[in-house]
Every structure is written in structure tokens, then in C-alpha cells.
Amino acid sequence: MQLGVVPASRPAASRSREMNRSACTAHQISGHAWMKAGS
């Protein structure tokens, strides 16, 4: 993947970075829920 090669894609890149951060947080929360359910 080539990230940040095109200057015009910069706003979209930062937007996807925000989405990735929230998705990562949701993944961690669901991960903790899975660990609690397993133990």
C-alpha cells in the first residue's frame, strides 16, 4: 500500500485514521468481553 503519496488523499487518510482508532477501541472492548466470558 502507498499511503500519503497523493496530497489530495490526505484528508481521507486522516479520516480513516480516526475510524481506525475508534474501530480499534471497539475491538479492545469486545476483546475484554470475550476474555471475561471465557473465564
N, C-alpha and C. Protein backbone atom coordinates (compact mmCIF):
# COMPACT_ATOMS: atom_id res chain seq x y z
N MET A 1 0.84 -1.21 0.00
CA MET A 1 0.00 0.00 0.00
C MET A 1 0.87 1.25 0.00
N GLN A 2 0.43 2.26 -0.72
CA GLN A 2 1.14 3.54 -0.73
C GLN A 2 0.26 4.58 -0.06
N LEU A 3 0.60 4.93 1.17
CA LEU A 3 -0.21 5.89 1.91
C LEU A 3 0.41 7.27 1.85
N GLY A 4 -0.44 8.28 1.63
CA GLY A 4 0.04 9.66 1.66
C GLY A 4 0.85 10.03 0.43
N VAL A 5 0.76 9.26 -0.65
CA VAL A 5 1.50 9.60 -1.86
C VAL A 5 0.84 10.76 -2.57
N VAL A 6 -0.48 10.73 -2.66
CA VAL A 6 -1.22 11.80 -3.32
C VAL A 6 -1.67 12.82 -2.27
N PRO A 7 -1.28 14.09 -2.42
CA PRO A 7 -1.65 15.13 -1.45
C PRO A 7 -3.17 15.24 -1.27
N ALA A 8 -3.93 14.99 -2.33
CA ALA A 8 -5.38 15.13 -2.27
C ALA A 8 -6.00 14.07 -1.35
N SER A 9 -5.27 12.98 -1.11
CA SER A 9 -5.83 11.90 -0.29
C SER A 9 -5.57 12.13 1.19
N ARG A 10 -4.89 13.22 1.52
CA ARG A 10 -4.52 13.44 2.91
C ARG A 10 -5.74 13.56 3.84
N PRO A 11 -6.76 14.36 3.49
CA PRO A 11 -7.95 14.45 4.36
C PRO A 11 -8.61 13.09 4.56
N ALA A 12 -8.71 12.31 3.50
CA ALA A 12 -9.33 10.99 3.60
C ALA A 12 -8.48 10.08 4.48
N ALA A 13 -7.16 10.24 4.40
CA ALA A 13 -6.27 9.41 5.20
C ALA A 13 -6.46 9.69 6.69
N SER A 14 -6.55 10.98 7.04
CA SER A 14 -6.75 11.32 8.45
C SER A 14 -8.13 10.88 8.92
N ARG A 15 -9.11 10.92 8.00
CA ARG A 15 -10.46 10.49 8.36
C ARG A 15 -10.46 8.99 8.64
N SER A 16 -9.79 8.22 7.79
CA SER A 16 -9.74 6.76 8.00
C SER A 16 -8.93 6.44 9.25
N ARG A 17 -7.96 7.31 9.58
CA ARG A 17 -7.18 7.07 10.78
C ARG A 17 -8.08 7.21 12.01
N GLU A 18 -8.97 8.20 11.98
CA GLU A 18 -9.93 8.36 13.09
C GLU A 18 -10.83 7.14 13.18
N MET A 19 -11.30 6.65 12.03
CA MET A 19 -12.17 5.47 12.03
C MET A 19 -11.42 4.26 12.55
N ASN A 20 -10.15 4.14 12.17
CA ASN A 20 -9.34 3.01 12.64
C ASN A 20 -9.19 3.07 14.15
N ARG A 21 -9.02 4.29 14.69
CA ARG A 21 -8.82 4.42 16.13
C ARG A 21 -10.08 3.98 16.87
N SER A 22 -11.25 4.43 16.40
CA SER A 22 -12.49 4.05 17.08
C SER A 22 -12.76 2.56 16.90
N ALA A 23 -12.42 2.03 15.73
CA ALA A 23 -12.61 0.60 15.49
C ALA A 23 -11.69 -0.21 16.39
N CYS A 24 -10.47 0.30 16.60
CA CYS A 24 -9.52 -0.40 17.47
C CYS A 24 -10.03 -0.41 18.91
N THR A 25 -10.61 0.72 19.33
CA THR A 25 -11.16 0.80 20.68
C THR A 25 -12.31 -0.19 20.84
N ALA A 26 -13.20 -0.24 19.85
CA ALA A 26 -14.32 -1.17 19.91
C ALA A 26 -13.80 -2.61 19.93
N HIS A 27 -12.72 -2.87 19.19
CA HIS A 27 -12.15 -4.22 19.16
C HIS A 27 -11.59 -4.58 20.53
N GLN A 28 -10.94 -3.63 21.19
CA GLN A 28 -10.39 -3.91 22.51
C GLN A 28 -11.51 -4.18 23.50
N ILE A 29 -12.60 -3.40 23.42
CA ILE A 29 -13.73 -3.59 24.34
C ILE A 29 -14.34 -4.97 24.14
N SER A 30 -14.58 -5.34 22.87
CA SER A 30 -15.16 -6.66 22.60
C SER A 30 -14.18 -7.75 23.01
N GLY A 31 -12.88 -7.48 22.88
CA GLY A 31 -11.87 -8.45 23.29
C GLY A 31 -11.93 -8.70 24.78
N HIS A 32 -12.10 -7.63 25.57
CA HIS A 32 -12.21 -7.79 27.01
C HIS A 32 -13.48 -8.56 27.36
N ALA A 33 -14.56 -8.29 26.64
CA ALA A 33 -15.82 -9.00 26.88
C ALA A 33 -15.63 -10.49 26.61
N TRP A 34 -14.88 -10.83 25.54
CA TRP A 34 -14.64 -12.23 25.22
C TRP A 34 -13.82 -12.89 26.32
N MET A 35 -12.82 -12.19 26.84
CA MET A 35 -11.97 -12.77 27.88
C MET A 35 -12.77 -12.99 29.15
N LYS A 36 -13.65 -12.05 29.48
CA LYS A 36 -14.48 -12.21 30.68
C LYS A 36 -15.43 -13.39 30.51
N ALA A 37 -16.00 -13.52 29.31
CA ALA A 37 -16.94 -14.61 29.06
C ALA A 37 -16.21 -15.96 29.10
N GLY A 38 -14.95 -15.97 28.65
CA GLY A 38 -14.19 -17.21 28.61
C GLY A 38 -13.77 -17.67 30.00
N SER A 39 -13.51 -16.72 30.88
CA SER A 39 -13.04 -17.08 32.21
C SER A 39 -14.17 -16.99 33.23
